Protein backbone atom coordinates (compact mmCIF):
# COMPACT_ATOMS: atom_id res chain seq x y z
CA UNK A 1 -130.00 128.43 121.76
CA UNK A 2 -128.86 130.77 119.21
CA UNK A 3 -127.39 133.93 120.93
CA UNK A 4 -126.16 136.93 119.13
CA UNK A 5 -123.52 139.16 120.83
CA UNK A 6 -123.08 142.84 120.12
CA UNK A 7 -120.72 145.50 121.23
CA UNK A 8 -122.40 148.73 121.93
CA UNK A 9 -125.70 147.18 120.68
CA UNK A 10 -129.12 148.77 121.25
CA UNK A 11 -130.49 148.51 124.68
CA UNK A 12 -133.73 149.58 126.18
CA UNK A 13 -133.83 150.78 129.81
CA UNK A 14 -136.84 148.59 130.89
CA UNK A 15 -135.14 145.52 129.57
CA UNK A 16 -131.79 146.20 131.32
CA UNK A 17 -133.54 147.14 134.34
CA UNK A 18 -135.47 143.92 134.37
CA UNK A 19 -132.43 141.88 133.79
CA UNK A 20 -130.54 143.76 136.57
CA UNK A 21 -133.34 143.11 138.97
CA UNK A 22 -133.35 139.43 138.25
CA UNK A 23 -129.50 139.08 138.20
CA UNK A 24 -128.80 140.93 141.25
CA UNK A 25 -132.09 140.68 143.34
CA UNK A 26 -132.81 144.25 143.24
CA UNK A 27 -136.13 145.79 142.81
CA UNK A 28 -137.46 145.99 139.33
CA UNK A 29 -136.85 149.47 138.16
CA UNK A 30 -138.61 149.22 134.69
CA UNK A 31 -140.34 152.46 135.63
CA UNK A 32 -137.27 154.41 134.49
CA UNK A 33 -135.59 154.74 137.81
CA UNK A 34 -132.22 153.74 135.97
CA UNK A 35 -131.48 155.17 132.67
CA UNK A 36 -128.97 152.75 131.22
CA UNK A 37 -128.79 154.39 127.89
CA UNK A 38 -127.40 157.49 129.68
CA UNK A 39 -125.40 155.74 132.04
CA UNK A 40 -123.47 153.65 129.46
CA UNK A 41 -123.41 156.42 127.01
CA UNK A 42 -121.65 158.92 129.17
CA UNK A 43 -119.50 156.72 131.41
CA UNK A 44 -118.53 153.57 129.57
CA UNK A 45 -116.14 152.37 126.95
CA UNK A 46 -119.13 150.19 125.71
CA UNK A 47 -121.21 147.34 126.69
CA UNK A 48 -122.16 143.90 125.20
CA UNK A 49 -125.64 142.76 124.89
CA UNK A 50 -126.55 139.13 124.40
CA UNK A 51 -129.80 138.48 122.54
CA UNK A 52 -131.88 135.41 121.85
CA UNK A 53 -133.99 136.49 119.11
CA UNK A 54 -135.24 139.82 120.48
CA UNK A 55 -134.92 139.09 124.07
CA UNK A 56 -132.01 140.36 125.97
CA UNK A 57 -130.54 137.39 127.96
CA UNK A 58 -127.33 138.97 128.86
CA UNK A 59 -125.45 142.19 129.29
CA UNK A 60 -122.03 143.45 130.65
CA UNK A 61 -120.87 147.09 130.96
CA UNK A 62 -117.28 148.13 130.43
CA UNK A 63 -116.23 151.36 132.21
CA UNK A 64 -112.77 152.74 131.67
CA UNK A 65 -110.36 155.50 132.56
CA UNK A 66 -110.14 156.70 129.23
CA UNK A 67 -106.52 155.38 128.73
CA UNK A 68 -105.46 151.84 129.37
CA UNK A 69 -107.59 150.48 132.15
CA UNK A 70 -111.09 148.87 131.61
CA UNK A 71 -113.39 147.39 134.22
CA UNK A 72 -116.03 144.69 133.91
CA UNK A 73 -119.28 145.98 135.59
CA UNK A 74 -122.72 144.69 135.88
CA UNK A 75 -122.32 141.27 134.12
CA UNK A 76 -125.78 139.75 134.04
CA UNK A 77 -127.36 136.64 132.46
CA UNK A 78 -131.09 135.69 132.55
CA UNK A 79 -131.52 132.79 135.08
CA UNK A 80 -133.17 130.68 132.47
CA UNK A 81 -130.06 131.17 130.12
CA UNK A 82 -127.39 130.56 132.57
CA UNK A 83 -124.81 127.64 132.33
CA UNK A 84 -124.60 127.97 128.43
CA UNK A 85 -121.40 129.92 128.26
CA UNK A 86 -123.14 133.42 127.80
CA UNK A 87 -121.45 135.06 130.59
CA UNK A 88 -118.00 133.93 129.46
CA UNK A 89 -118.76 135.10 125.86
CA UNK A 90 -119.90 138.47 127.20
CA UNK A 91 -116.65 138.72 128.83
CA UNK A 92 -114.53 137.48 126.01
CA UNK A 93 -116.49 140.07 123.59
CA UNK A 94 -115.61 142.83 126.08
CA UNK A 95 -112.14 141.89 126.32
CA UNK A 96 -111.60 141.91 122.52
CA UNK A 97 -113.24 145.33 122.25
CA UNK A 98 -111.03 146.58 125.14
CA UNK A 99 -108.03 145.39 123.39
CA UNK A 100 -109.07 147.13 120.09
CA UNK A 101 -109.73 150.35 121.97
CA UNK A 102 -106.10 150.34 123.32
CA UNK A 103 -106.76 149.25 126.87
CA UNK A 104 -103.81 147.03 128.39
CA UNK A 105 -105.59 145.93 131.44
CA UNK A 106 -109.17 144.69 132.14
CA UNK A 107 -110.30 144.52 135.85
CA UNK A 108 -113.19 142.78 137.47
CA UNK A 109 -114.44 142.60 141.15
CA UNK A 110 -116.44 139.94 142.29
CA UNK A 111 -117.62 137.74 145.22
CA UNK A 112 -115.98 134.58 146.21
CA UNK A 113 -118.91 132.59 144.79
CA UNK A 114 -117.71 133.70 141.37
CA UNK A 115 -114.06 132.76 141.68
CA UNK A 116 -114.14 129.81 139.58
CA UNK A 117 -116.19 131.58 136.73
CA UNK A 118 -113.71 134.52 136.54
CA UNK A 119 -110.52 132.71 136.98
CA UNK A 120 -111.34 129.41 134.91
CA UNK A 121 -113.91 130.33 132.60
CA UNK A 122 -112.72 133.91 131.79
CA UNK A 123 -108.99 133.74 132.27
CA UNK A 124 -108.59 136.52 135.05
CA UNK A 125 -105.52 136.11 137.26
CA UNK A 126 -105.94 136.47 141.19
CA UNK A 127 -105.21 139.85 142.58
CA UNK A 128 -105.50 141.76 146.10
CA UNK A 129 -108.06 144.39 146.15
CA UNK A 130 -110.09 146.17 148.62
CA UNK A 131 -113.53 147.59 148.82
CA UNK A 132 -115.23 150.06 151.22
CA UNK A 133 -118.89 150.23 151.90
CA UNK A 134 -120.07 153.93 152.02
CA UNK A 135 -123.50 153.71 153.29
């Protein structure tokens, strides 16, 4: 498996929507419901794409406050490409790009099922946080 990683690499809405649907169990929004090119272009410090040949097998978005804080958002790896270090490499690529952009902190929120991945594989330290469901 030869994977290439690219900071701010070209993405197509349909491929990111399909990966999002697979990774998060959401409906497949290939029909253009979510415009990832606009979302990341207007609201993100950047993103990392992971490709095996031409196929998008991983993606992570990095949002930020414009100063020193970045946030990992929408980390996704295709189900048949998991457990090969792609997610951890997406995070490390994003971490380095954030550092180069002048960020001092990189945050991530996750469910308890991902604790081991983010703490052990990616090096995040435990913190206290909160969440408020708005719908």
